[in-house]
Every structure is written in structure tokens, then in C-alpha cells.
């Protein structure tokens, strides 16, 4: 009789004490050592960092012990330390990466405002959490 492993939380038991990358539903990327998991896929990461990518640069914000509800996990996988060292990315300070991230988000917001204004000018009904008349 051949037993097949069922994908799910049980297979994460094999990843205990390994370095994992976890992408959350809100888009954040966490990297840390898996210390615990339960039947709901809730995770406890130790020595956790939040990694922010902007283009080919990244910055790491130390977060320590991090508890993640299973329903917030979008992607989870083990990190290969050899491949991690070979990545063509440049590490920058936390201040620099946060500034870059803020600039990129502002550019996206401006593009979205322009897009909505064009749609409104063409007569399409526009429903958004902000209008083109917003003043910050």
C-alpha cells in the first residue's frame, strides 16, 4: 500500500526550524525561522524580518517573534541560503527603502487618479475610495 502525503498544514511540520519566506494577503513579505504551527496553519516565526522590495533594491526591518494567523498566509516556502546569496538585489537601509516604497506608492496613486479622471471624462461611472478632487 502506498501512502501519499496530503498537502496542507501537516506538510509544514517538516519545515520546523527552517528559514521560511511568508507572503501575507496584505502583500507584506516576512522571513524567519518556523518555530510552531497548529491545525489552523497559524505560524510562529522567530528572528523575523519584514523584507521590502522596490525594483532591484530591498531593505529588512527586524520584527522579532511574529505570530501569523493561517488565514493571512498567501504563500509560504523554504528559503535556500545558497540561492538567496546569488540574488541580483542590492540591500539598502530601512530609511532608503521606505522612502522608495513611499515614492512608488504615490506614483501609483497619481496614475490611478489620472485613469479615473479619464474614465469620468468619457462618461463612465467611477466608484473609488477617493475622487480626483481629493486634496491631501
C-alpha atoms as a PDB file:
ATOM      1  CA  UNK A   1       0.000   0.000   0.000  1.00  0.00           C
ATOM      2  CA  UNK A   2       1.408   3.407  -0.999  1.00  0.00           C
ATOM      3  CA  UNK A   3       0.682   6.333   1.287  1.00  0.00           C
ATOM      4  CA  UNK A   4       0.652   9.759  -0.294  1.00  0.00           C
ATOM      5  CA  UNK A   5       1.294  12.878   1.730  1.00  0.00           C
ATOM      6  CA  UNK A   6      -1.640  15.217   1.777  1.00  0.00           C
ATOM      7  CA  UNK A   7      -0.681  18.825   1.074  1.00  0.00           C
ATOM      8  CA  UNK A   8      -1.654  21.202   3.833  1.00  0.00           C
ATOM      9  CA  UNK A   9      -0.612  22.122   7.318  1.00  0.00           C
ATOM     10  CA  UNK A  10       0.720  18.634   8.081  1.00  0.00           C
ATOM     11  CA  UNK A  11       3.441  19.014   5.460  1.00  0.00           C
ATOM     12  CA  UNK A  12       4.644  22.206   7.161  1.00  0.00           C
ATOM     13  CA  UNK A  13       5.737  20.109  10.130  1.00  0.00           C
ATOM     14  CA  UNK A  14       8.727  19.104   8.004  1.00  0.00           C
ATOM     15  CA  UNK A  15       9.682  22.801   7.789  1.00  0.00           C
ATOM     16  CA  UNK A  16      10.034  23.334  11.553  1.00  0.00           C
ATOM     17  CA  UNK A  17      13.255  25.200  12.451  1.00  0.00           C
ATOM     18  CA  UNK A  18      13.869  26.057   8.777  1.00  0.00           C
ATOM     19  CA  UNK A  19      14.083  29.547   7.324  1.00  0.00           C
ATOM     20  CA  UNK A  20      10.840  30.401   5.526  1.00  0.00           C
ATOM     21  CA  UNK A  21       9.504  33.239   3.453  1.00  0.00           C
ATOM     22  CA  UNK A  22       5.843  34.007   4.086  1.00  0.00           C
ATOM     23  CA  UNK A  23       3.876  36.365   1.851  1.00  0.00           C
ATOM     24  CA  UNK A  24       0.786  37.730   3.573  1.00  0.00           C
ATOM     25  CA  UNK A  25      -2.539  38.630   1.965  1.00  0.00           C
ATOM     26  CA  UNK A  26      -1.797  42.324   2.510  1.00  0.00           C
ATOM     27  CA  UNK A  27       1.370  41.998   0.406  1.00  0.00           C
ATOM     28  CA  UNK A  28       3.978  42.038   3.165  1.00  0.00           C
ATOM     29  CA  UNK A  29       6.892  39.618   2.943  1.00  0.00           C
ATOM     30  CA  UNK A  30       8.199  38.067   6.157  1.00  0.00           C
ATOM     31  CA  UNK A  31      11.311  35.929   6.536  1.00  0.00           C
ATOM     32  CA  UNK A  32      12.014  33.966   9.695  1.00  0.00           C
ATOM     33  CA  UNK A  33      12.539  30.583  11.288  1.00  0.00           C
ATOM     34  CA  UNK A  34       9.401  28.467  11.684  1.00  0.00           C
ATOM     35  CA  UNK A  35       9.048  27.527  15.350  1.00  0.00           C
ATOM     36  CA  UNK A  36       5.435  26.365  15.592  1.00  0.00           C
ATOM     37  CA  UNK A  37       2.359  25.547  13.551  1.00  0.00           C
ATOM     38  CA  UNK A  38      -1.116  24.372  14.506  1.00  0.00           C
ATOM     39  CA  UNK A  39      -4.126  22.749  12.829  1.00  0.00           C
ATOM     40  CA  UNK A  40      -5.324  26.151  11.537  1.00  0.00           C
ATOM     41  CA  UNK A  41      -1.963  26.849   9.847  1.00  0.00           C
ATOM     42  CA  UNK A  42      -1.200  29.595  12.366  1.00  0.00           C
ATOM     43  CA  UNK A  43       2.547  30.139  12.281  1.00  0.00           C
ATOM     44  CA  UNK A  44       5.125  31.367  14.771  1.00  0.00           C
ATOM     45  CA  UNK A  45       8.250  32.806  13.155  1.00  0.00           C
ATOM     46  CA  UNK A  46      11.403  33.566  15.160  1.00  0.00           C
ATOM     47  CA  UNK A  47      14.096  36.118  14.239  1.00  0.00           C
ATOM     48  CA  UNK A  48      11.634  37.540  11.727  1.00  0.00           C
ATOM     49  CA  UNK A  49      12.382  40.346   9.320  1.00  0.00           C
ATOM     50  CA  UNK A  50       9.963  42.181   7.060  1.00  0.00           C
ATOM     51  CA  UNK A  51      11.568  42.499   3.642  1.00  0.00           C
ATOM     52  CA  UNK A  52      10.503  45.366   1.406  1.00  0.00           C
ATOM     53  CA  UNK A  53      11.365  45.174  -2.311  1.00  0.00           C
ATOM     54  CA  UNK A  54      11.429  48.174  -4.623  1.00  0.00           C
ATOM     55  CA  UNK A  55      12.889  47.423  -8.027  1.00  0.00           C
ATOM     56  CA  UNK A  56      16.241  45.707  -7.530  1.00  0.00           C
ATOM     57  CA  UNK A  57      16.679  47.056  -4.004  1.00  0.00           C
ATOM     58  CA  UNK A  58      15.462  45.697  -0.698  1.00  0.00           C
ATOM     59  CA  UNK A  59      15.502  46.610   2.950  1.00  0.00           C
ATOM     60  CA  UNK A  60      14.958  44.462   6.022  1.00  0.00           C
ATOM     61  CA  UNK A  61      13.043  45.631   9.088  1.00  0.00           C
ATOM     62  CA  UNK A  62      13.652  43.442  12.172  1.00  0.00           C
ATOM     63  CA  UNK A  63      10.367  42.213  13.678  1.00  0.00           C
ATOM     64  CA  UNK A  64      11.466  39.517  16.188  1.00  0.00           C
ATOM     65  CA  UNK A  65       8.910  36.847  17.072  1.00  0.00           C
ATOM     66  CA  UNK A  66       5.923  37.071  14.734  1.00  0.00           C
ATOM     67  CA  UNK A  67       2.624  35.216  15.077  1.00  0.00           C
ATOM     68  CA  UNK A  68       0.674  34.847  11.818  1.00  0.00           C
ATOM     69  CA  UNK A  69      -2.915  33.707  11.529  1.00  0.00           C
ATOM     70  CA  UNK A  70      -3.189  30.948   8.947  1.00  0.00           C
ATOM     71  CA  UNK A  71      -5.927  32.755   7.019  1.00  0.00           C
ATOM     72  CA  UNK A  72      -3.500  35.613   6.284  1.00  0.00           C
ATOM     73  CA  UNK A  73      -0.881  33.423   4.593  1.00  0.00           C
ATOM     74  CA  UNK A  74      -0.898  33.707   0.819  1.00  0.00           C
ATOM     75  CA  UNK A  75       2.383  31.947   0.075  1.00  0.00           C
ATOM     76  CA  UNK A  76       4.895  30.080   2.212  1.00  0.00           C
ATOM     77  CA  UNK A  77       8.141  28.372   1.296  1.00  0.00           C
ATOM     78  CA  UNK A  78      11.598  27.417   2.472  1.00  0.00           C
ATOM     79  CA  UNK A  79      14.491  29.706   1.580  1.00  0.00           C
ATOM     80  CA  UNK A  80      17.582  28.184   0.012  1.00  0.00           C
ATOM     81  CA  UNK A  81      20.515  30.105   1.585  1.00  0.00           C
ATOM     82  CA  UNK A  82      22.803  29.488  -1.407  1.00  0.00           C
ATOM     83  CA  UNK A  83      20.284  30.848  -3.916  1.00  0.00           C
ATOM     84  CA  UNK A  84      19.460  33.749  -1.578  1.00  0.00           C
ATOM     85  CA  UNK A  85      23.094  34.919  -1.703  1.00  0.00           C
ATOM     86  CA  UNK A  86      23.094  34.867  -5.525  1.00  0.00           C
ATOM     87  CA  UNK A  87      20.088  37.146  -5.960  1.00  0.00           C
ATOM     88  CA  UNK A  88      20.881  40.245  -8.056  1.00  0.00           C
ATOM     89  CA  UNK A  89      19.446  42.555  -5.410  1.00  0.00           C
ATOM     90  CA  UNK A  90      21.104  45.385  -3.524  1.00  0.00           C
ATOM     91  CA  UNK A  91      20.456  45.822   0.190  1.00  0.00           C
ATOM     92  CA  UNK A  92      19.802  49.409   1.281  1.00  0.00           C
ATOM     93  CA  UNK A  93      18.980  50.998   4.630  1.00  0.00           C
ATOM     94  CA  UNK A  94      15.487  50.836   6.074  1.00  0.00           C
ATOM     95  CA  UNK A  95      15.083  54.600   5.623  1.00  0.00           C
ATOM     96  CA  UNK A  96      16.039  54.413   1.937  1.00  0.00           C
ATOM     97  CA  UNK A  97      13.721  51.512   1.137  1.00  0.00           C
ATOM     98  CA  UNK A  98      10.789  53.105   2.985  1.00  0.00           C
ATOM     99  CA  UNK A  99      11.349  56.340   1.066  1.00  0.00           C
ATOM    100  CA  UNK A 100      11.474  54.435  -2.244  1.00  0.00           C
ATOM    101  CA  UNK A 101       8.340  52.490  -1.332  1.00  0.00           C
ATOM    102  CA  UNK A 102       6.505  55.696  -0.459  1.00  0.00           C
ATOM    103  CA  UNK A 103       7.548  57.316  -3.743  1.00  0.00           C
ATOM    104  CA  UNK A 104       6.365  54.297  -5.781  1.00  0.00           C
ATOM    105  CA  UNK A 105       3.022  54.221  -3.938  1.00  0.00           C
ATOM    106  CA  UNK A 106       2.499  57.951  -4.600  1.00  0.00           C
ATOM    107  CA  UNK A 107       3.241  57.422  -8.308  1.00  0.00           C
ATOM    108  CA  UNK A 108       0.696  54.586  -8.464  1.00  0.00           C
ATOM    109  CA  UNK A 109      -1.877  56.727  -6.697  1.00  0.00           C
ATOM    110  CA  UNK A 110      -1.360  59.590  -9.170  1.00  0.00           C
ATOM    111  CA  UNK A 111      -1.668  57.204 -12.136  1.00  0.00           C
ATOM    112  CA  UNK A 112      -4.886  55.800 -10.682  1.00  0.00           C
ATOM    113  CA  UNK A 113      -6.295  59.304 -10.199  1.00  0.00           C
ATOM    114  CA  UNK A 114      -5.491  60.163 -13.823  1.00  0.00           C
ATOM    115  CA  UNK A 115      -7.098  56.940 -15.033  1.00  0.00           C
ATOM    116  CA  UNK A 116     -10.270  57.599 -13.048  1.00  0.00           C
ATOM    117  CA  UNK A 117     -10.413  61.194 -14.290  1.00  0.00           C
ATOM    118  CA  UNK A 118     -10.144  59.993 -17.908  1.00  0.00           C
ATOM    119  CA  UNK A 119     -12.911  57.445 -17.342  1.00  0.00           C
ATOM    120  CA  UNK A 120     -15.093  60.101 -15.705  1.00  0.00           C
ATOM    121  CA  UNK A 121     -14.448  62.498 -18.612  1.00  0.00           C
ATOM    122  CA  UNK A 122     -15.521  59.761 -21.030  1.00  0.00           C
ATOM    123  CA  UNK A 123     -18.801  59.354 -19.149  1.00  0.00           C
ATOM    124  CA  UNK A 124     -18.110  56.115 -17.315  1.00  0.00           C
ATOM    125  CA  UNK A 125     -19.425  55.869 -13.766  1.00  0.00           C
ATOM    126  CA  UNK A 126     -16.469  55.994 -11.398  1.00  0.00           C
ATOM    127  CA  UNK A 127     -16.625  54.391  -7.989  1.00  0.00           C
ATOM    128  CA  UNK A 128     -13.480  54.632  -5.918  1.00  0.00           C
ATOM    129  CA  UNK A 129     -12.406  55.196  -2.342  1.00  0.00           C
ATOM    130  CA  UNK A 130     -11.077  58.589  -3.469  1.00  0.00           C
ATOM    131  CA  UNK A 131     -12.085  61.100  -6.075  1.00  0.00           C
ATOM    132  CA  UNK A 132      -9.941  63.226  -8.355  1.00  0.00           C
ATOM    133  CA  UNK A 133     -10.938  66.228  -6.218  1.00  0.00           C
ATOM    134  CA  UNK A 134      -9.147  64.912  -3.132  1.00  0.00           C
ATOM    135  CA  UNK A 135      -6.717  67.333  -1.588  1.00  0.00           C
ATOM    136  CA  UNK A 136      -4.152  65.945   0.779  1.00  0.00           C
END
